[in-house]
Amino acid sequence: TLFRSAELAQLVNEAAIESARQNKTIITDFEFSLAKDKIIMGVKEGDRMTSMKDKKFVAFHELGHALMRIKTGGKVEKVSISPRGLSLGVTITASNPDEEVILQTENDIFNELKVLMGGRAAEDLILGENTTGAMSDMEKAYEMAMSMTTKWGMGEVLANISVKELNNLSDGTRKDVDREVIELVRSNYDQAKTILSRYPKVMDRMVSILMEKESIDKDDVVKIWKEETNEDPYWIKIQPYSL
């Protein structure tokens, strides 16, 4: 995770506060880790999930995002099911771990759609039910698919055309756009579900750690992934997986 100068100052300050709370005279990697989690994920707010069922749903949901990030060539830093802010769980990832990319290709956006839909896909695939926790993911996926079709000229209905106001389109074209957007989200959801279905043992092992410790870091992610797939993740292998 890359920090700007102001964020680095905040990181050091938060780490110093954590060290002082524990009556330490030095700042260690442990305090920096706590400070980074606080900055990126927000303040931990105790246990708002009272049932094991809720925790299991959140665990599989977050791991759905994490494994899809791995399978689309990204890096997983940490997965947590500790409630922070409005979120019941957080997955910290990087879509381009070896460089900062400004422009996105069509394939990059398809990958982002799969990652967004990976949480709900994992719920349905492993637990056979869906929860309300995927609402934000679905909203983002819809907005991204709509932008692909109407703003970025990446769809078939409005190929190479960017439209500022949908009201300028005919009723028939708007209906075609709606169908294309829905199909974009649906097809990437189906692909995410198919990909995740190949890794039940990976998910089960990682869920066991999450249920016990409420978080899993990249070292355990790498260890389990390598043991179950006999492959290195992208950020170690430096070669993207094929979907």
Protein backbone atom coordinates (compact mmCIF):
# COMPACT_ATOMS: atom_id res chain seq x y z
CA THR A 1 0.00 0.00 0.00
CA LEU A 2 1.46 3.33 -1.10
CA PHE A 3 1.08 6.37 1.16
CA ARG A 4 1.44 10.03 0.25
CA SER A 5 3.52 12.30 2.50
CA ALA A 6 0.55 13.46 4.59
CA GLU A 7 -0.59 9.86 5.03
CA LEU A 8 2.91 8.80 6.07
CA ALA A 9 2.87 11.51 8.74
CA GLN A 10 -0.50 10.23 9.93
CA LEU A 11 0.84 6.66 9.94
CA VAL A 12 3.78 7.60 12.15
CA ASN A 13 1.54 9.63 14.46
CA GLU A 14 -0.99 6.80 14.86
CA ALA A 15 1.81 4.29 15.47
CA ALA A 16 3.26 6.56 18.16
CA ILE A 17 -0.16 6.79 19.83
CA GLU A 18 -0.51 3.00 19.77
CA SER A 19 2.96 2.65 21.29
CA ALA A 20 2.14 5.14 24.05
CA ARG A 21 -1.09 3.29 24.88
CA GLN A 22 1.00 0.20 25.58
CA ASN A 23 3.56 2.18 27.63
CA LYS A 24 6.33 1.42 25.13
CA THR A 25 9.33 3.66 24.54
CA ILE A 26 9.83 2.57 20.92
CA ILE A 27 7.58 2.07 17.90
CA THR A 28 7.68 -1.44 16.43
CA ASP A 29 6.25 -3.09 13.31
CA PHE A 30 3.26 -4.14 15.41
CA GLU A 31 2.26 -0.53 16.11
CA PHE A 32 2.78 0.42 12.47
CA SER A 33 0.56 -2.48 11.42
CA LEU A 34 -2.22 -1.37 13.78
CA ALA A 35 -1.86 2.21 12.57
CA LYS A 36 -2.03 1.18 8.90
CA ASP A 37 -5.19 -0.86 9.53
CA LYS A 38 -6.79 2.10 11.28
CA ILE A 39 -5.97 4.49 8.42
CA ILE A 40 -7.04 2.16 5.62
CA MET A 41 -9.96 0.31 7.20
CA GLY A 42 -11.17 2.72 9.89
CA VAL A 43 -11.55 2.39 13.63
CA LYS A 44 -12.47 -1.05 14.94
CA GLU A 45 -15.91 -0.85 16.55
CA GLY A 46 -16.12 -3.94 18.69
CA ASP A 47 -18.26 -6.94 17.79
CA ARG A 48 -21.43 -5.84 16.03
CA MET A 49 -21.98 -9.32 14.62
CA THR A 50 -23.64 -11.38 17.33
CA SER A 51 -24.10 -14.63 15.42
CA MET A 52 -21.62 -17.09 13.99
CA LYS A 53 -23.80 -17.20 10.87
CA ASP A 54 -23.20 -13.50 10.23
CA LYS A 55 -19.46 -13.91 10.70
CA LYS A 56 -19.35 -16.87 8.34
CA PHE A 57 -21.25 -14.99 5.66
CA VAL A 58 -18.93 -11.98 5.98
CA ALA A 59 -15.86 -14.25 5.94
CA PHE A 60 -16.84 -16.01 2.73
CA HIS A 61 -17.98 -12.72 1.19
CA GLU A 62 -14.63 -11.01 1.82
CA LEU A 63 -12.68 -14.06 0.66
CA GLY A 64 -14.71 -14.03 -2.55
CA HIS A 65 -13.31 -10.56 -3.21
CA ALA A 66 -9.80 -11.63 -2.18
CA LEU A 67 -9.57 -14.75 -4.35
CA MET A 68 -10.99 -12.93 -7.34
CA ARG A 69 -8.34 -10.25 -6.86
CA ILE A 70 -5.66 -12.96 -6.93
CA LYS A 71 -7.18 -14.57 -10.02
CA THR A 72 -7.27 -11.24 -11.86
CA GLY A 73 -3.59 -10.59 -11.23
CA GLY A 74 -3.80 -8.42 -8.11
CA LYS A 75 -2.33 -8.51 -4.62
CA VAL A 76 -4.09 -9.24 -1.33
CA GLU A 77 -2.65 -7.44 1.69
CA LYS A 78 -5.20 -8.39 4.33
CA VAL A 79 -8.75 -9.65 4.87
CA SER A 80 -10.64 -8.69 8.04
CA ILE A 81 -14.10 -9.42 9.43
CA SER A 82 -13.76 -6.92 12.28
CA PRO A 83 -16.53 -4.28 11.96
CA ARG A 84 -15.09 -0.89 11.08
CA GLY A 85 -17.23 2.15 10.31
CA LEU A 86 -20.23 1.07 8.25
CA SER A 87 -18.50 -2.07 7.04
CA LEU A 88 -18.68 -5.54 8.60
CA GLY A 89 -15.59 -6.69 6.74
CA VAL A 90 -12.74 -5.32 4.63
CA THR A 91 -10.43 -6.75 1.99
CA ILE A 92 -7.28 -4.70 1.30
CA THR A 93 -5.99 -5.36 -2.20
CA ALA A 94 -4.06 -3.77 -5.03
CA SER A 95 -5.18 -4.30 -8.62
CA ASN A 96 -1.74 -3.41 -10.04
CA PRO A 97 0.80 -4.37 -7.37
CA ASP A 98 3.93 -3.64 -9.40
CA GLU A 99 3.01 -0.22 -10.82
CA GLU A 100 0.59 2.70 -10.54
CA VAL A 101 -1.82 2.69 -13.49
CA ILE A 102 -4.06 5.63 -14.41
CA LEU A 103 -5.72 4.39 -17.60
CA GLN A 104 -7.86 1.26 -17.48
CA THR A 105 -8.32 -1.15 -20.34
CA GLU A 106 -11.56 -2.98 -21.08
CA ASN A 107 -10.05 -6.13 -19.56
CA ASP A 108 -9.08 -4.20 -16.40
CA ILE A 109 -12.71 -3.16 -15.96
CA PHE A 110 -14.00 -6.68 -16.55
CA ASN A 111 -11.60 -7.83 -13.82
CA GLU A 112 -12.90 -5.15 -11.45
CA LEU A 113 -16.46 -6.32 -12.10
CA LYS A 114 -15.46 -9.88 -11.23
CA VAL A 115 -13.80 -8.72 -8.01
CA LEU A 116 -16.86 -6.67 -7.05
CA MET A 117 -19.22 -9.58 -7.70
CA GLY A 118 -16.90 -12.11 -6.05
CA GLY A 119 -18.36 -11.47 -2.59
CA ARG A 120 -21.94 -12.29 -3.52
CA ALA A 121 -20.78 -15.16 -5.74
CA ALA A 122 -18.96 -16.74 -2.78
CA GLU A 123 -22.02 -16.40 -0.52
CA ASP A 124 -24.23 -18.15 -3.05
CA LEU A 125 -21.66 -20.77 -4.04
CA ILE A 126 -20.54 -21.87 -0.58
CA LEU A 127 -23.49 -21.05 1.67
CA GLY A 128 -26.35 -21.23 -0.82
CA GLU A 129 -27.83 -17.88 0.22
CA ASN A 130 -27.34 -14.18 -0.45
CA THR A 131 -27.21 -11.38 2.11
CA THR A 132 -27.83 -7.63 2.09
CA GLY A 133 -24.08 -7.07 2.57
CA ALA A 134 -23.43 -6.99 -1.19
CA MET A 135 -25.50 -3.85 -1.84
CA SER A 136 -22.53 -1.50 -2.19
CA ASP A 137 -20.71 -3.98 -4.46
CA MET A 138 -23.73 -4.27 -6.73
CA GLU A 139 -24.17 -0.50 -6.91
CA LYS A 140 -20.53 -0.04 -7.89
CA ALA A 141 -20.73 -2.86 -10.45
CA TYR A 142 -23.83 -1.32 -12.03
CA GLU A 143 -22.23 2.13 -12.20
CA MET A 144 -19.07 0.68 -13.74
CA ALA A 145 -21.00 -1.32 -16.35
CA MET A 146 -23.12 1.73 -17.16
CA SER A 147 -19.97 3.84 -17.64
CA MET A 148 -18.49 1.17 -19.91
CA THR A 149 -21.59 1.28 -22.09
CA THR A 150 -22.43 4.99 -22.12
CA LYS A 151 -19.26 6.96 -21.24
CA TRP A 152 -16.26 4.93 -22.34
CA GLY A 153 -17.61 3.53 -25.62
CA MET A 154 -16.80 -0.05 -24.64
CA GLY A 155 -20.22 -1.57 -25.27
CA GLU A 156 -21.84 -2.91 -28.41
CA VAL A 157 -24.98 -0.75 -28.38
CA LEU A 158 -23.03 2.55 -28.34
CA ALA A 159 -19.67 1.34 -29.67
CA ASN A 160 -17.07 4.15 -29.62
CA ILE A 161 -19.70 6.69 -28.60
CA SER A 162 -19.74 8.62 -25.30
CA VAL A 163 -23.13 9.90 -24.15
CA LYS A 164 -23.50 12.58 -21.48
CA GLU A 165 -27.29 12.44 -21.17
CA LEU A 166 -29.22 9.20 -21.62
CA ASN A 167 -32.33 11.29 -22.27
CA ASN A 168 -30.81 12.18 -25.63
CA LEU A 169 -31.21 8.55 -26.70
CA SER A 170 -34.35 7.02 -28.11
CA ASP A 171 -36.50 4.81 -25.88
CA GLY A 172 -35.43 1.74 -27.83
CA THR A 173 -31.72 2.53 -27.51
CA ARG A 174 -32.06 3.16 -23.77
CA LYS A 175 -33.70 -0.24 -23.37
CA ASP A 176 -30.84 -1.84 -25.32
CA VAL A 177 -28.35 -0.05 -23.05
CA ASP A 178 -30.17 -1.31 -19.95
CA ARG A 179 -30.08 -4.88 -21.25
CA GLU A 180 -26.38 -4.62 -22.06
CA VAL A 181 -25.51 -3.21 -18.62
CA ILE A 182 -27.48 -5.94 -16.86
CA GLU A 183 -25.79 -8.60 -18.98
CA LEU A 184 -22.32 -7.18 -18.26
CA VAL A 185 -22.87 -7.45 -14.51
CA ARG A 186 -24.57 -10.84 -14.75
CA SER A 187 -21.92 -12.41 -16.98
CA ASN A 188 -19.06 -11.27 -14.76
CA TYR A 189 -20.93 -12.55 -11.70
CA ASP A 190 -21.32 -15.94 -13.40
CA GLN A 191 -17.62 -15.99 -14.30
CA ALA A 192 -16.64 -15.09 -10.73
CA LYS A 193 -18.81 -17.91 -9.41
CA THR A 194 -17.26 -20.40 -11.84
CA ILE A 195 -13.72 -19.37 -10.92
CA LEU A 196 -14.37 -19.52 -7.17
CA SER A 197 -15.90 -22.99 -7.51
CA ARG A 198 -12.38 -24.30 -8.27
CA TYR A 199 -11.01 -23.31 -4.84
CA PRO A 200 -13.23 -24.71 -2.05
CA LYS A 201 -10.27 -25.93 0.03
CA VAL A 202 -8.52 -22.57 -0.22
CA MET A 203 -11.64 -20.79 0.99
CA ASP A 204 -12.33 -23.28 3.79
CA ARG A 205 -8.81 -22.96 5.19
CA MET A 206 -8.84 -19.18 5.04
CA VAL A 207 -12.31 -18.99 6.58
CA SER A 208 -11.10 -21.10 9.52
CA ILE A 209 -8.40 -18.49 10.22
CA LEU A 210 -10.86 -15.60 9.85
CA MET A 211 -13.38 -17.19 12.20
CA GLU A 212 -10.66 -17.68 14.81
CA LYS A 213 -8.56 -14.51 14.45
CA GLU A 214 -10.94 -12.17 12.56
CA SER A 215 -8.19 -11.37 10.05
CA ILE A 216 -5.78 -13.05 7.66
CA ASP A 217 -2.69 -11.36 6.26
CA LYS A 218 -0.86 -11.80 2.99
CA ASP A 219 1.64 -14.30 4.42
CA ASP A 220 -1.11 -16.77 5.30
CA VAL A 221 -2.89 -16.02 2.02
CA VAL A 222 0.27 -16.87 0.07
CA LYS A 223 1.00 -19.97 2.18
CA ILE A 224 -2.49 -21.46 1.76
CA TRP A 225 -2.72 -20.55 -1.92
CA LYS A 226 0.62 -22.20 -2.71
CA GLU A 227 -0.14 -25.33 -0.68
CA GLU A 228 -3.55 -25.86 -2.29
CA THR A 229 -2.79 -24.82 -5.89
CA ASN A 230 0.97 -25.46 -6.21
CA GLU A 231 1.23 -21.99 -7.74
CA ASP A 232 2.56 -18.63 -6.63
CA PRO A 233 0.16 -15.67 -6.59
CA TYR A 234 0.76 -13.05 -9.28
CA TRP A 235 2.71 -10.62 -7.13
CA ILE A 236 5.27 -13.33 -6.39
CA LYS A 237 5.17 -15.08 -9.73
CA ILE A 238 5.11 -11.76 -11.66
CA GLN A 239 2.99 -13.40 -14.30
CA PRO A 240 -0.82 -13.03 -14.43
CA TYR A 241 -3.11 -16.02 -14.25
CA SER A 242 -5.35 -16.81 -17.18
CA LEU A 243 -9.06 -16.79 -16.38
